Every structure is written in C-alpha cells, then in structure tokens.
N, C-alpha and C. Protein backbone atom coordinates (compact mmCIF):
# COMPACT_ATOMS: atom_id res chain seq x y z
N UNK A 1 1.38 -52.54 -25.79
CA UNK A 1 2.78 -52.23 -25.58
C UNK A 1 3.06 -51.95 -24.11
N UNK A 2 2.13 -51.32 -23.38
CA UNK A 2 2.38 -50.99 -21.99
C UNK A 2 2.45 -52.24 -21.10
N UNK A 3 1.66 -53.31 -21.32
CA UNK A 3 1.84 -54.51 -20.50
C UNK A 3 3.23 -55.13 -20.69
N UNK A 4 3.76 -55.06 -21.91
CA UNK A 4 5.09 -55.60 -22.19
C UNK A 4 6.14 -54.81 -21.41
N UNK A 5 6.02 -53.50 -21.35
CA UNK A 5 6.97 -52.65 -20.62
C UNK A 5 6.89 -52.94 -19.12
N UNK A 6 5.68 -53.10 -18.61
CA UNK A 6 5.50 -53.39 -17.19
C UNK A 6 6.14 -54.73 -16.84
N UNK A 7 5.96 -55.74 -17.67
CA UNK A 7 6.56 -57.06 -17.43
C UNK A 7 8.08 -56.97 -17.46
N UNK A 8 8.62 -56.22 -18.42
CA UNK A 8 10.08 -56.05 -18.50
C UNK A 8 10.62 -55.35 -17.26
N UNK A 9 9.91 -54.34 -16.77
CA UNK A 9 10.33 -53.63 -15.55
C UNK A 9 10.31 -54.58 -14.36
N UNK A 10 9.27 -55.39 -14.25
CA UNK A 10 9.18 -56.35 -13.15
C UNK A 10 10.29 -57.39 -13.22
N UNK A 11 10.59 -57.89 -14.39
CA UNK A 11 11.65 -58.89 -14.54
C UNK A 11 13.01 -58.29 -14.18
N UNK A 12 13.28 -57.09 -14.69
CA UNK A 12 14.56 -56.43 -14.40
C UNK A 12 14.68 -56.13 -12.91
N UNK A 13 13.61 -55.64 -12.30
CA UNK A 13 13.63 -55.35 -10.87
C UNK A 13 13.85 -56.60 -10.05
N UNK A 14 13.22 -57.70 -10.45
CA UNK A 14 13.39 -58.96 -9.74
C UNK A 14 14.82 -59.46 -9.85
N UNK A 15 15.42 -59.32 -11.03
CA UNK A 15 16.82 -59.74 -11.20
C UNK A 15 17.75 -58.91 -10.32
N UNK A 16 17.55 -57.60 -10.30
CA UNK A 16 18.39 -56.73 -9.47
C UNK A 16 18.23 -57.09 -8.00
N UNK A 17 16.99 -57.28 -7.56
CA UNK A 17 16.73 -57.63 -6.17
C UNK A 17 17.35 -58.99 -5.82
N UNK A 18 17.26 -59.95 -6.71
CA UNK A 18 17.84 -61.27 -6.49
C UNK A 18 19.35 -61.21 -6.34
N UNK A 19 20.02 -60.43 -7.22
CA UNK A 19 21.47 -60.29 -7.13
C UNK A 19 21.87 -59.62 -5.82
N UNK A 20 21.14 -58.58 -5.42
CA UNK A 20 21.45 -57.89 -4.17
C UNK A 20 21.27 -58.83 -2.98
N UNK A 21 20.22 -59.62 -2.98
CA UNK A 21 19.96 -60.57 -1.90
C UNK A 21 21.06 -61.63 -1.84
N UNK A 22 21.50 -62.10 -3.00
CA UNK A 22 22.56 -63.09 -3.07
C UNK A 22 23.87 -62.51 -2.50
N UNK A 23 24.22 -61.29 -2.88
CA UNK A 23 25.44 -60.65 -2.38
C UNK A 23 25.35 -60.39 -0.88
N UNK A 24 24.19 -60.01 -0.41
CA UNK A 24 24.01 -59.79 1.03
C UNK A 24 24.21 -61.10 1.80
N UNK A 25 23.72 -62.19 1.25
CA UNK A 25 23.92 -63.49 1.88
C UNK A 25 25.38 -63.89 1.92
N UNK A 26 26.10 -63.66 0.83
CA UNK A 26 27.53 -63.96 0.79
C UNK A 26 28.29 -63.13 1.82
N UNK A 27 27.93 -61.84 1.94
CA UNK A 27 28.60 -60.98 2.92
C UNK A 27 28.28 -61.42 4.34
N UNK A 28 27.06 -61.87 4.59
CA UNK A 28 26.68 -62.35 5.92
C UNK A 28 27.49 -63.58 6.30
N UNK A 29 27.73 -64.47 5.35
CA UNK A 29 28.54 -65.66 5.61
C UNK A 29 29.97 -65.25 5.93
N UNK A 30 30.51 -64.31 5.16
CA UNK A 30 31.87 -63.82 5.43
C UNK A 30 31.96 -63.21 6.82
N UNK A 31 30.97 -62.40 7.19
CA UNK A 31 30.98 -61.76 8.51
C UNK A 31 30.88 -62.78 9.63
N UNK A 32 30.12 -63.83 9.42
CA UNK A 32 29.97 -64.86 10.45
C UNK A 32 31.27 -65.64 10.65
N UNK A 33 32.05 -65.81 9.60
CA UNK A 33 33.29 -66.57 9.70
C UNK A 33 34.47 -65.74 10.17
N UNK A 34 34.35 -64.40 10.11
CA UNK A 34 35.48 -63.53 10.42
C UNK A 34 35.75 -63.47 11.91
N UNK A 35 36.99 -63.66 12.29
CA UNK A 35 37.46 -63.48 13.66
C UNK A 35 38.73 -62.66 13.62
N UNK A 36 38.74 -61.48 14.23
CA UNK A 36 39.95 -60.67 14.19
C UNK A 36 41.09 -61.34 14.95
N UNK A 37 42.29 -61.19 14.42
CA UNK A 37 43.48 -61.77 15.05
C UNK A 37 44.11 -60.76 15.98
N UNK A 38 44.72 -61.24 17.06
CA UNK A 38 45.40 -60.34 17.98
C UNK A 38 44.41 -59.50 18.74
N UNK A 39 44.72 -58.22 18.87
CA UNK A 39 43.79 -57.31 19.49
C UNK A 39 44.00 -57.11 20.96
N UNK A 40 45.02 -57.66 21.55
CA UNK A 40 45.25 -57.41 22.96
C UNK A 40 45.50 -58.69 23.72
N UNK A 41 45.59 -58.52 25.02
CA UNK A 41 45.93 -59.66 25.85
C UNK A 41 44.77 -60.08 26.72
N UNK A 42 44.68 -61.35 27.02
CA UNK A 42 43.78 -61.94 28.00
C UNK A 42 42.38 -61.41 28.03
N UNK A 43 42.08 -60.61 29.07
CA UNK A 43 40.72 -60.14 29.31
C UNK A 43 40.22 -59.21 28.22
N UNK A 44 41.11 -58.50 27.54
CA UNK A 44 40.66 -57.54 26.53
C UNK A 44 40.05 -58.24 25.32
N UNK A 45 40.30 -59.52 25.16
CA UNK A 45 39.79 -60.22 23.99
C UNK A 45 38.37 -60.72 24.17
N UNK A 46 37.84 -60.71 25.37
CA UNK A 46 36.44 -61.05 25.57
C UNK A 46 36.19 -62.45 26.07
N UNK A 47 34.92 -62.72 26.33
CA UNK A 47 34.49 -63.99 26.91
C UNK A 47 34.74 -65.14 25.95
N UNK A 48 34.59 -64.92 24.66
CA UNK A 48 34.75 -65.99 23.68
C UNK A 48 36.15 -66.56 23.63
N UNK A 49 37.12 -65.80 24.07
CA UNK A 49 38.50 -66.27 24.04
C UNK A 49 38.97 -66.82 25.38
N UNK A 50 38.09 -66.93 26.35
CA UNK A 50 38.45 -67.47 27.66
C UNK A 50 38.35 -68.99 27.61
N UNK A 51 39.33 -69.61 26.95
CA UNK A 51 39.25 -71.05 26.73
C UNK A 51 40.29 -71.85 27.50
N UNK A 52 41.21 -71.18 28.17
CA UNK A 52 42.22 -71.93 28.92
C UNK A 52 41.64 -72.37 30.25
N UNK A 53 42.38 -73.13 30.98
CA UNK A 53 41.90 -73.62 32.27
C UNK A 53 42.26 -72.72 33.43
N UNK A 54 42.73 -71.50 33.17
CA UNK A 54 43.14 -70.61 34.25
C UNK A 54 41.94 -70.15 35.08
N UNK A 55 42.23 -69.70 36.28
CA UNK A 55 41.18 -69.24 37.18
C UNK A 55 40.46 -68.03 36.58
N UNK A 56 41.22 -67.11 35.98
CA UNK A 56 40.63 -65.91 35.39
C UNK A 56 39.67 -66.27 34.27
N UNK A 57 40.08 -67.19 33.40
CA UNK A 57 39.20 -67.61 32.30
C UNK A 57 37.96 -68.33 32.83
N UNK A 58 38.12 -69.10 33.88
CA UNK A 58 36.98 -69.79 34.48
C UNK A 58 35.98 -68.77 35.02
N UNK A 59 36.48 -67.73 35.71
CA UNK A 59 35.59 -66.69 36.23
C UNK A 59 34.92 -65.91 35.11
N UNK A 60 35.66 -65.67 34.03
CA UNK A 60 35.10 -64.94 32.88
C UNK A 60 33.95 -65.73 32.27
N UNK A 61 34.14 -67.03 32.10
CA UNK A 61 33.06 -67.86 31.54
C UNK A 61 31.88 -67.96 32.50
N UNK A 62 32.17 -68.03 33.79
CA UNK A 62 31.12 -68.18 34.79
C UNK A 62 30.25 -66.93 34.89
N UNK A 63 30.87 -65.75 34.87
CA UNK A 63 30.13 -64.50 35.03
C UNK A 63 29.75 -63.86 33.69
N UNK A 64 30.23 -64.43 32.58
CA UNK A 64 29.98 -63.89 31.24
C UNK A 64 30.40 -62.43 31.11
N UNK A 65 31.50 -62.11 31.78
CA UNK A 65 31.98 -60.74 31.80
C UNK A 65 33.47 -60.77 32.10
N UNK A 66 34.25 -60.05 31.32
CA UNK A 66 35.67 -59.99 31.59
C UNK A 66 35.94 -58.98 32.69
N UNK A 67 37.12 -59.06 33.27
CA UNK A 67 37.50 -58.14 34.33
C UNK A 67 37.59 -56.71 33.79
N UNK A 68 38.10 -56.55 32.58
CA UNK A 68 38.19 -55.22 31.98
C UNK A 68 36.80 -54.63 31.76
N UNK A 69 35.85 -55.45 31.29
CA UNK A 69 34.49 -54.96 31.11
C UNK A 69 33.86 -54.55 32.43
N UNK A 70 34.12 -55.32 33.48
CA UNK A 70 33.59 -54.99 34.80
C UNK A 70 34.16 -53.66 35.30
N UNK A 71 35.45 -53.45 35.05
CA UNK A 71 36.07 -52.17 35.45
C UNK A 71 35.46 -51.01 34.66
N UNK A 72 35.18 -51.22 33.38
CA UNK A 72 34.58 -50.16 32.58
C UNK A 72 33.16 -49.84 33.05
N UNK A 73 32.39 -50.86 33.37
CA UNK A 73 31.01 -50.64 33.81
C UNK A 73 30.97 -49.85 35.10
N UNK A 74 31.85 -50.19 36.04
CA UNK A 74 31.86 -49.51 37.34
C UNK A 74 32.78 -48.29 37.36
N UNK A 75 33.36 -47.92 36.22
CA UNK A 75 34.21 -46.75 36.10
C UNK A 75 35.39 -46.82 37.08
N UNK A 76 36.13 -47.93 37.02
CA UNK A 76 37.26 -48.14 37.92
C UNK A 76 38.55 -48.22 37.13
N UNK A 77 39.63 -47.85 37.80
CA UNK A 77 40.97 -48.04 37.24
C UNK A 77 41.57 -49.28 37.91
N UNK A 78 42.67 -49.78 37.37
CA UNK A 78 43.26 -51.03 37.87
C UNK A 78 43.61 -50.96 39.36
N UNK A 79 44.08 -49.83 39.86
CA UNK A 79 44.55 -49.76 41.25
C UNK A 79 43.51 -49.27 42.24
N UNK A 80 42.26 -49.09 41.84
CA UNK A 80 41.23 -48.55 42.74
C UNK A 80 40.93 -49.53 43.87
N UNK A 81 40.54 -48.96 45.00
CA UNK A 81 40.27 -49.76 46.20
C UNK A 81 38.86 -50.33 46.16
N UNK A 82 38.60 -51.23 47.12
CA UNK A 82 37.27 -51.84 47.23
C UNK A 82 36.22 -50.79 47.62
N UNK A 83 36.63 -49.79 48.41
CA UNK A 83 35.69 -48.73 48.80
C UNK A 83 35.24 -47.93 47.59
N UNK A 84 36.16 -47.64 46.67
CA UNK A 84 35.82 -46.91 45.45
C UNK A 84 34.86 -47.75 44.62
N UNK A 85 35.14 -49.04 44.51
CA UNK A 85 34.27 -49.93 43.75
C UNK A 85 32.87 -49.95 44.37
N UNK A 86 32.78 -50.05 45.69
CA UNK A 86 31.50 -50.10 46.36
C UNK A 86 30.74 -48.78 46.22
N UNK A 87 31.46 -47.67 46.30
CA UNK A 87 30.81 -46.35 46.15
C UNK A 87 30.24 -46.20 44.73
N UNK A 88 31.02 -46.56 43.72
CA UNK A 88 30.55 -46.48 42.33
C UNK A 88 29.38 -47.44 42.10
N UNK A 89 29.48 -48.63 42.66
CA UNK A 89 28.40 -49.62 42.53
C UNK A 89 27.10 -49.08 43.12
N UNK A 90 27.17 -48.55 44.34
CA UNK A 90 25.96 -48.04 45.00
C UNK A 90 25.34 -46.89 44.22
N UNK A 91 26.19 -46.00 43.69
CA UNK A 91 25.68 -44.88 42.91
C UNK A 91 24.95 -45.38 41.65
N UNK A 92 25.58 -46.29 40.91
CA UNK A 92 24.97 -46.81 39.69
C UNK A 92 23.73 -47.64 39.99
N UNK A 93 23.75 -48.37 41.09
CA UNK A 93 22.59 -49.19 41.47
C UNK A 93 21.39 -48.29 41.76
N UNK A 94 21.63 -47.22 42.54
CA UNK A 94 20.53 -46.30 42.86
C UNK A 94 20.03 -45.57 41.62
N UNK A 95 20.95 -45.20 40.74
CA UNK A 95 20.58 -44.44 39.54
C UNK A 95 19.73 -45.27 38.58
N UNK A 96 19.90 -46.58 38.58
CA UNK A 96 19.18 -47.44 37.63
C UNK A 96 18.06 -48.25 38.27
N UNK A 97 17.82 -48.07 39.56
CA UNK A 97 16.74 -48.78 40.23
C UNK A 97 15.40 -48.12 39.94
N UNK A 98 14.33 -48.90 39.92
CA UNK A 98 13.02 -48.29 39.73
C UNK A 98 12.66 -47.43 40.94
N UNK A 99 11.87 -46.39 40.73
CA UNK A 99 11.49 -45.54 41.86
C UNK A 99 10.60 -46.32 42.83
N UNK A 100 10.66 -45.96 44.12
CA UNK A 100 9.80 -46.67 45.09
C UNK A 100 8.33 -46.37 44.80
N UNK A 101 7.51 -47.39 44.99
CA UNK A 101 6.08 -47.22 44.73
C UNK A 101 5.42 -46.59 45.95
N UNK A 102 4.60 -45.60 45.70
CA UNK A 102 3.87 -44.96 46.78
C UNK A 102 2.41 -45.34 46.66
N UNK A 103 1.77 -45.58 47.80
CA UNK A 103 0.37 -45.99 47.79
C UNK A 103 -0.56 -44.80 47.85
N UNK A 104 -0.05 -43.59 48.10
CA UNK A 104 -0.87 -42.41 48.23
C UNK A 104 -1.44 -41.93 46.90
N UNK A 105 -0.72 -42.16 45.83
CA UNK A 105 -1.13 -41.61 44.55
C UNK A 105 -2.34 -42.34 43.99
N UNK A 106 -3.26 -41.53 43.47
CA UNK A 106 -4.43 -42.10 42.81
C UNK A 106 -4.02 -42.57 41.43
N UNK A 107 -4.68 -43.58 40.88
CA UNK A 107 -4.33 -44.04 39.53
C UNK A 107 -4.52 -42.90 38.53
N UNK A 108 -3.53 -42.75 37.67
CA UNK A 108 -3.58 -41.70 36.68
C UNK A 108 -4.06 -42.26 35.35
N UNK A 109 -4.63 -41.38 34.55
CA UNK A 109 -5.05 -41.79 33.22
C UNK A 109 -3.82 -42.04 32.36
N UNK A 110 -3.98 -42.86 31.36
CA UNK A 110 -2.88 -43.18 30.44
C UNK A 110 -2.45 -41.92 29.70
N UNK A 111 -1.16 -41.66 29.70
CA UNK A 111 -0.61 -40.56 28.91
C UNK A 111 0.41 -41.13 27.96
N UNK A 112 0.53 -40.53 26.81
CA UNK A 112 1.40 -41.08 25.77
C UNK A 112 2.87 -40.73 25.97
N UNK A 113 3.18 -39.76 26.84
CA UNK A 113 4.58 -39.41 27.01
C UNK A 113 4.90 -39.26 28.49
N UNK A 114 6.16 -39.50 28.83
CA UNK A 114 6.62 -39.37 30.20
C UNK A 114 6.99 -37.93 30.47
N UNK A 115 6.83 -37.53 31.71
CA UNK A 115 7.31 -36.20 32.08
C UNK A 115 8.78 -36.30 32.40
N UNK A 116 9.48 -35.20 32.30
CA UNK A 116 10.92 -35.21 32.52
C UNK A 116 11.28 -35.45 33.98
N UNK A 117 10.37 -35.20 34.90
CA UNK A 117 10.68 -35.38 36.31
C UNK A 117 10.64 -36.84 36.74
N UNK A 118 10.06 -37.72 35.93
CA UNK A 118 10.00 -39.13 36.29
C UNK A 118 11.36 -39.78 36.10
N UNK A 119 11.88 -40.46 37.14
CA UNK A 119 13.16 -41.15 36.97
C UNK A 119 13.03 -42.35 36.02
N UNK A 120 14.08 -42.62 35.31
CA UNK A 120 14.09 -43.73 34.37
C UNK A 120 14.90 -44.86 34.99
N UNK A 121 14.35 -46.06 34.98
CA UNK A 121 15.08 -47.21 35.51
C UNK A 121 15.34 -48.19 34.38
N UNK A 122 16.42 -48.96 34.54
CA UNK A 122 16.79 -49.92 33.52
C UNK A 122 17.19 -51.23 34.18
N UNK A 123 16.36 -52.25 33.99
CA UNK A 123 16.68 -53.57 34.55
C UNK A 123 17.96 -54.12 33.92
N UNK A 124 18.15 -53.88 32.63
CA UNK A 124 19.35 -54.37 31.93
C UNK A 124 20.61 -53.74 32.53
N UNK A 125 20.62 -52.42 32.68
CA UNK A 125 21.80 -51.75 33.24
C UNK A 125 22.02 -52.17 34.69
N UNK A 126 20.94 -52.32 35.41
CA UNK A 126 21.04 -52.75 36.80
C UNK A 126 21.69 -54.13 36.90
N UNK A 127 21.31 -55.04 36.02
CA UNK A 127 21.90 -56.39 36.05
C UNK A 127 23.37 -56.34 35.65
N UNK A 128 23.73 -55.46 34.71
CA UNK A 128 25.14 -55.32 34.32
C UNK A 128 25.97 -54.81 35.49
N UNK A 129 25.44 -53.84 36.24
CA UNK A 129 26.16 -53.29 37.39
C UNK A 129 26.36 -54.36 38.45
N UNK A 130 25.33 -55.14 38.72
CA UNK A 130 25.43 -56.21 39.73
C UNK A 130 26.44 -57.27 39.28
N UNK A 131 26.37 -57.68 38.01
CA UNK A 131 27.31 -58.69 37.52
C UNK A 131 28.74 -58.18 37.52
N UNK A 132 28.94 -56.89 37.24
CA UNK A 132 30.28 -56.32 37.27
C UNK A 132 30.85 -56.36 38.68
N UNK A 133 30.04 -56.01 39.68
CA UNK A 133 30.51 -56.08 41.06
C UNK A 133 30.85 -57.52 41.45
N UNK A 134 29.97 -58.45 41.08
CA UNK A 134 30.22 -59.85 41.40
C UNK A 134 31.50 -60.35 40.75
N UNK A 135 31.75 -59.93 39.52
CA UNK A 135 32.97 -60.38 38.79
C UNK A 135 34.23 -59.84 39.46
N UNK A 136 34.20 -58.57 39.88
CA UNK A 136 35.38 -58.00 40.54
C UNK A 136 35.59 -58.64 41.90
N UNK A 137 34.51 -58.88 42.64
CA UNK A 137 34.64 -59.54 43.92
C UNK A 137 35.14 -60.97 43.79
N UNK A 138 34.76 -61.66 42.71
CA UNK A 138 35.20 -63.04 42.50
C UNK A 138 36.69 -63.09 42.21
N UNK A 139 37.23 -62.06 41.59
CA UNK A 139 38.65 -62.04 41.26
C UNK A 139 39.46 -61.94 42.53
C-alpha cells in the first residue's frame, strides 16, 4: 500500500509543478509583450523610444543614455552650469575609481572579508558617470 501512496504523491506533485511551470511561461510571454503607453515626453521614455530622426534621439541611441538619465546620474538640475556638471563628475569619478596601487606594501595573505577602511571601487558606476558626462557634453 505504501508504494501506491508514494506513486500517487509523485504524480500529484508532478501535475502541480507542471501547471505552475505552464502558468509561469504564459506570464513571461505576457510580460515580454507588454509595453506601457504614455508615461511622459521624449527623453523620459528611454532609449527604446528614441526612434525619430531628431538630433536628441540620435544622441540617445549613440550614447545609450537619455539626457534625463545623465542628469540623474550626475545629480544635476535642468539649469545647472557646466562647472556644476564638471564638479559633480569629478567627485563621482574619484569616489568610484580604484585606489592607487602602492609598491611599498608587502603581499598580504588571503582574507575572507574586507576591512571597512578599504575604499570600494566600481567599474560599472565609473563607466556610467563617464557616459553621463559624454551625453551631456554631446547635447
């Protein structure tokens, strides 16, 4: 009797799992086809909507970054000057750059955790900051 119960449990579990997988697939297809309507003007809609032949859309496609996104990355408002943009850029660039390598230090043994005094650098954030500056300068 126990092998029969085990087989029934396996069959029922497989059916439930199959239905859940099927529904997840249907939802994934719906999500892939969904495009929100409206949502703002021009640059606020993103790179995917830069399809006209305007200069702004051409720059957006070229830099893969909208002007609004570039302003957000560099923490700028619409009327800020070039000096403000450069000051914010330099601050973010220094904050995300890797620390300078020193030749004086002896090689250290491998440790599993970083100390809090070690600066953290991010190549991804650094590239975003550089692309944001380039996009604003191109405009």
